[in-house]
C-alpha atoms as a PDB file:
ATOM      1  CA  MET A   1      32.246 -23.048 -81.734  1.00  0.00           C
ATOM      2  CA  SER A   2      35.490 -22.914 -83.639  1.00  0.00           C
ATOM      3  CA  THR A   3      36.560 -19.600 -85.106  1.00  0.00           C
ATOM      4  CA  ASP A   4      37.979 -21.443 -88.133  1.00  0.00           C
ATOM      5  CA  LEU A   5      35.344 -20.382 -90.683  1.00  0.00           C
ATOM      6  CA  LYS A   6      35.907 -20.360 -94.425  1.00  0.00           C
ATOM      7  CA  ILE A   7      36.022 -16.669 -95.237  1.00  0.00           C
ATOM      8  CA  SER A   8      36.282 -15.096 -98.693  1.00  0.00           C
ATOM      9  CA  TYR A   9      38.521 -12.044 -98.815  1.00  0.00           C
ATOM     10  CA  ALA A  10      38.359 -11.719-102.593  1.00  0.00           C
ATOM     11  CA  PRO A  11      39.166  -8.197-103.820  1.00  0.00           C
ATOM     12  CA  PRO A  12      36.714  -6.266-105.999  1.00  0.00           C
ATOM     13  CA  SER A  13      36.572  -7.614-109.550  1.00  0.00           C
ATOM     14  CA  GLY A  14      33.573  -5.972-111.200  1.00  0.00           C
ATOM     15  CA  LYS A  15      31.131  -8.006-109.139  1.00  0.00           C
ATOM     16  CA  PRO A  16      30.003  -7.236-105.587  1.00  0.00           C
ATOM     17  CA  LEU A  17      32.891  -7.344-103.124  1.00  0.00           C
ATOM     18  CA  GLY A  18      33.526 -10.796-101.741  1.00  0.00           C
ATOM     19  CA  VAL A  19      30.802 -12.673-103.620  1.00  0.00           C
ATOM     20  CA  THR A  20      31.283 -16.407-103.149  1.00  0.00           C
ATOM     21  CA  GLY A  21      29.775 -19.183-105.227  1.00  0.00           C
ATOM     22  CA  TRP A  22      27.393 -19.922-102.359  1.00  0.00           C
ATOM     23  CA  PHE A  23      26.341 -16.281-102.159  1.00  0.00           C
ATOM     24  CA  ARG A  24      25.644 -16.294-105.898  1.00  0.00           C
ATOM     25  CA  PHE A  25      23.765 -19.600-105.541  1.00  0.00           C
ATOM     26  CA  GLY A  26      21.516 -18.148-102.817  1.00  0.00           C
ATOM     27  CA  ALA A  27      20.945 -14.951-104.800  1.00  0.00           C
ATOM     28  CA  THR A  28      20.068 -16.921-107.939  1.00  0.00           C
ATOM     29  CA  LEU A  29      17.440 -18.901-106.037  1.00  0.00           C
ATOM     30  CA  ILE A  30      15.915 -16.116-103.971  1.00  0.00           C
ATOM     31  CA  ARG A  31      16.044 -12.941-106.092  1.00  0.00           C
ATOM     32  CA  PRO A  32      13.428 -14.049-108.667  1.00  0.00           C
ATOM     33  CA  LEU A  33      10.986 -14.846-105.852  1.00  0.00           C
ATOM     34  CA  LEU A  34      11.666 -11.520-104.141  1.00  0.00           C
ATOM     35  CA  ASN A  35      11.135  -9.701-107.449  1.00  0.00           C
ATOM     36  CA  LEU A  36       7.685 -11.293-107.636  1.00  0.00           C
ATOM     37  CA  ILE A  37       6.539 -10.646-104.072  1.00  0.00           C
ATOM     38  CA  ALA A  38       8.181  -7.308-103.236  1.00  0.00           C
ATOM     39  CA  LYS A  39       8.038  -3.917-104.889  1.00  0.00           C
ATOM     40  CA  ARG A  40      11.535  -2.553-105.390  1.00  0.00           C
ATOM     41  CA  ASP A  41      11.364   1.083-104.367  1.00  0.00           C
ATOM     42  CA  TRP A  42      14.941   1.364-103.121  1.00  0.00           C
ATOM     43  CA  ARG A  43      15.651   4.511-101.123  1.00  0.00           C
ATOM     44  CA  GLY A  44      18.880   5.644 -99.557  1.00  0.00           C
ATOM     45  CA  VAL A  45      21.140   4.262-102.291  1.00  0.00           C
ATOM     46  CA  GLU A  46      23.083   7.528-102.229  1.00  0.00           C
ATOM     47  CA  ASN A  47      24.178   6.683 -98.666  1.00  0.00           C
ATOM     48  CA  LEU A  48      25.649   3.311 -99.661  1.00  0.00           C
ATOM     49  CA  PRO A  49      29.402   3.366-100.356  1.00  0.00           C
ATOM     50  CA  LYS A  50      30.240   1.748-103.702  1.00  0.00           C
ATOM     51  CA  SER A  51      33.238  -0.066-102.207  1.00  0.00           C
ATOM     52  CA  GLY A  52      35.292  -0.473 -99.068  1.00  0.00           C
ATOM     53  CA  ALA A  53      34.408  -1.325 -95.515  1.00  0.00           C
ATOM     54  CA  ALA A  54      31.030  -0.180 -94.248  1.00  0.00           C
ATOM     55  CA  ILE A  55      28.340  -1.174 -91.779  1.00  0.00           C
ATOM     56  CA  ALA A  56      24.739  -1.335 -93.024  1.00  0.00           C
ATOM     57  CA  VAL A  57      22.127  -1.187 -90.264  1.00  0.00           C
ATOM     58  CA  CYS A  58      18.483  -2.231 -90.540  1.00  0.00           C
ATOM     59  CA  ASN A  59      15.509  -2.863 -88.261  1.00  0.00           C
ATOM     60  CA  HIS A  60      14.525  -6.520 -87.957  1.00  0.00           C
ATOM     61  CA  ILE A  61      10.722  -6.751 -87.868  1.00  0.00           C
ATOM     62  CA  SER A  62      10.098  -9.864 -89.984  1.00  0.00           C
ATOM     63  CA  TYR A  63      11.829 -13.050 -91.068  1.00  0.00           C
ATOM     64  CA  VAL A  64      12.104 -11.749 -94.626  1.00  0.00           C
ATOM     65  CA  ASP A  65      14.096  -8.617 -93.643  1.00  0.00           C
ATOM     66  CA  PRO A  66      17.548 -10.150 -94.233  1.00  0.00           C
ATOM     67  CA  LEU A  67      16.470 -11.356 -97.681  1.00  0.00           C
ATOM     68  CA  LEU A  68      15.017  -8.000 -98.734  1.00  0.00           C
ATOM     69  CA  PHE A  69      17.875  -5.961 -97.267  1.00  0.00           C
ATOM     70  CA  THR A  70      20.407  -8.227 -98.973  1.00  0.00           C
ATOM     71  CA  HIS A  71      18.454  -7.864-102.228  1.00  0.00           C
ATOM     72  CA  PHE A  72      18.723  -4.059-101.921  1.00  0.00           C
ATOM     73  CA  LEU A  73      22.445  -4.168-101.135  1.00  0.00           C
ATOM     74  CA  TYR A  74      23.287  -6.783-103.787  1.00  0.00           C
ATOM     75  CA  ASP A  75      21.325  -4.927-106.481  1.00  0.00           C
ATOM     76  CA  ASN A  76      23.475  -1.915-105.633  1.00  0.00           C
ATOM     77  CA  GLY A  77      26.782  -3.734-105.981  1.00  0.00           C
ATOM     78  CA  ARG A  78      27.457  -4.908-102.429  1.00  0.00           C
ATOM     79  CA  ALA A  79      27.370  -8.394-100.929  1.00  0.00           C
ATOM     80  CA  PRO A  80      26.829  -8.031 -97.183  1.00  0.00           C
ATOM     81  CA  ARG A  81      28.077 -10.292 -94.447  1.00  0.00           C
ATOM     82  CA  TYR A  82      25.689 -10.574 -91.497  1.00  0.00           C
ATOM     83  CA  LEU A  83      25.998 -11.545 -87.892  1.00  0.00           C
ATOM     84  CA  GLY A  84      23.346 -14.238 -87.371  1.00  0.00           C
ATOM     85  CA  LYS A  85      22.239 -16.534 -84.602  1.00  0.00           C
ATOM     86  CA  ALA A  86      24.216 -19.771 -84.685  1.00  0.00           C
ATOM     87  CA  SER A  87      21.128 -21.999 -84.709  1.00  0.00           C
ATOM     88  CA  LEU A  88      20.449 -20.914 -88.324  1.00  0.00           C
ATOM     89  CA  PHE A  89      23.864 -22.233 -89.340  1.00  0.00           C
ATOM     90  CA  LYS A  90      22.956 -25.667 -87.970  1.00  0.00           C
ATOM     91  CA  LEU A  91      20.025 -26.114 -90.375  1.00  0.00           C
ATOM     92  CA  PRO A  92      20.969 -28.652 -93.083  1.00  0.00           C
ATOM     93  CA  ILE A  93      20.713 -26.616 -96.299  1.00  0.00           C
ATOM     94  CA  ILE A  94      20.378 -23.067 -94.999  1.00  0.00           C
ATOM     95  CA  GLY A  95      23.397 -23.484 -92.737  1.00  0.00           C
ATOM     96  CA  ARG A  96      25.627 -24.622 -95.591  1.00  0.00           C
ATOM     97  CA  VAL A  97      24.547 -21.695 -97.761  1.00  0.00           C
ATOM     98  CA  LEU A  98      25.061 -19.197 -94.905  1.00  0.00           C
ATOM     99  CA  LEU A  99      28.558 -20.475 -94.122  1.00  0.00           C
ATOM    100  CA  GLY A 100      29.466 -20.759 -97.792  1.00  0.00           C
ATOM    101  CA  ALA A 101      28.271 -17.197 -98.380  1.00  0.00           C
ATOM    102  CA  GLY A 102      30.555 -15.991 -95.588  1.00  0.00           C
ATOM    103  CA  GLN A 103      27.925 -15.076 -93.018  1.00  0.00           C
ATOM    104  CA  ILE A 104      29.013 -14.928 -89.368  1.00  0.00           C
ATOM    105  CA  PRO A 105      27.420 -17.189 -86.732  1.00  0.00           C
ATOM    106  CA  VAL A 106      26.930 -15.776 -83.230  1.00  0.00           C
ATOM    107  CA  GLU A 107      26.788 -18.241 -80.339  1.00  0.00           C
ATOM    108  CA  ARG A 108      24.618 -16.119 -78.070  1.00  0.00           C
ATOM    109  CA  GLU A 109      25.188 -16.120 -74.326  1.00  0.00           C
ATOM    110  CA  THR A 110      28.288 -18.330 -74.523  1.00  0.00           C
ATOM    111  CA  SER A 111      31.958 -17.798 -73.819  1.00  0.00           C
ATOM    112  CA  VAL A 112      32.699 -17.794 -77.567  1.00  0.00           C
ATOM    113  CA  ALA A 113      30.089 -15.166 -78.507  1.00  0.00           C
ATOM    114  CA  SER A 114      32.833 -12.562 -78.891  1.00  0.00           C
ATOM    115  CA  ASP A 115      34.428 -14.674 -81.656  1.00  0.00           C
ATOM    116  CA  ALA A 116      31.750 -13.301 -83.991  1.00  0.00           C
ATOM    117  CA  LEU A 117      32.949  -9.769 -83.268  1.00  0.00           C
ATOM    118  CA  GLN A 118      36.504 -10.755 -84.211  1.00  0.00           C
ATOM    119  CA  HIS A 119      35.219 -12.189 -87.503  1.00  0.00           C
ATOM    120  CA  ALA A 120      33.188  -9.026 -88.138  1.00  0.00           C
ATOM    121  CA  ILE A 121      36.285  -6.885 -87.578  1.00  0.00           C
ATOM    122  CA  ALA A 122      38.270  -9.099 -89.977  1.00  0.00           C
ATOM    123  CA  PHE A 123      35.557  -8.722 -92.630  1.00  0.00           C
ATOM    124  CA  LEU A 124      35.600  -4.938 -92.245  1.00  0.00           C
ATOM    125  CA  LYS A 125      39.399  -4.817 -92.439  1.00  0.00           C
ATOM    126  CA  ALA A 126      39.141  -6.828 -95.676  1.00  0.00           C
ATOM    127  CA  GLY A 127      36.791  -4.203 -97.136  1.00  0.00           C
ATOM    128  CA  HIS A 128      33.490  -6.053 -96.798  1.00  0.00           C
ATOM    129  CA  LEU A 129      30.087  -4.605 -96.036  1.00  0.00           C
ATOM    130  CA  LEU A 130      28.833  -5.813 -92.654  1.00  0.00           C
ATOM    131  CA  GLY A 131      25.062  -6.012 -92.158  1.00  0.00           C
ATOM    132  CA  VAL A 132      23.836  -5.565 -88.604  1.00  0.00           C
ATOM    133  CA  TYR A 133      20.430  -5.745 -86.947  1.00  0.00           C
ATOM    134  CA  PRO A 134      21.066  -3.790 -83.712  1.00  0.00           C
ATOM    135  CA  GLU A 135      18.245  -5.483 -81.800  1.00  0.00           C
ATOM    136  CA  GLY A 136      19.915  -8.831 -82.426  1.00  0.00           C
ATOM    137  CA  THR A 137      16.526 -10.471 -82.921  1.00  0.00           C
ATOM    138  CA  LEU A 138      13.060  -9.839 -84.334  1.00  0.00           C
ATOM    139  CA  THR A 139      11.244  -6.871 -82.811  1.00  0.00           C
ATOM    140  CA  ARG A 140       7.573  -6.152 -83.332  1.00  0.00           C
ATOM    141  CA  ASP A 141       7.486  -2.469 -82.335  1.00  0.00           C
END
């Protein structure tokens, strides 16, 4: 996979750092649904830096985790960039939104898998919030 991704390095401007049109599009579609199906009892907000580079870590126990965690972060002024399995980026609509929103595809178990790490480092150097699921996949325990 090419490392030539379209990346937004927009500086803070009163909206969450690095929000792209695609990120806003996804948030506009998904947030109302999440508000209906999930209770927002956000905890740990005091640990979230208001700006600058940071890594947000979360357990990945369901397919909705990235949506809910992003909802929490976005509601608190941050637009995370995630490392995600490359197959998601190949889905027709979802893939376009993920790439447009500046998410980082990981080609697992390939010679270019480390490219994702280089992109993650670039995002952090640009002051973005990087979201990471340490297990790298869904875990049920």
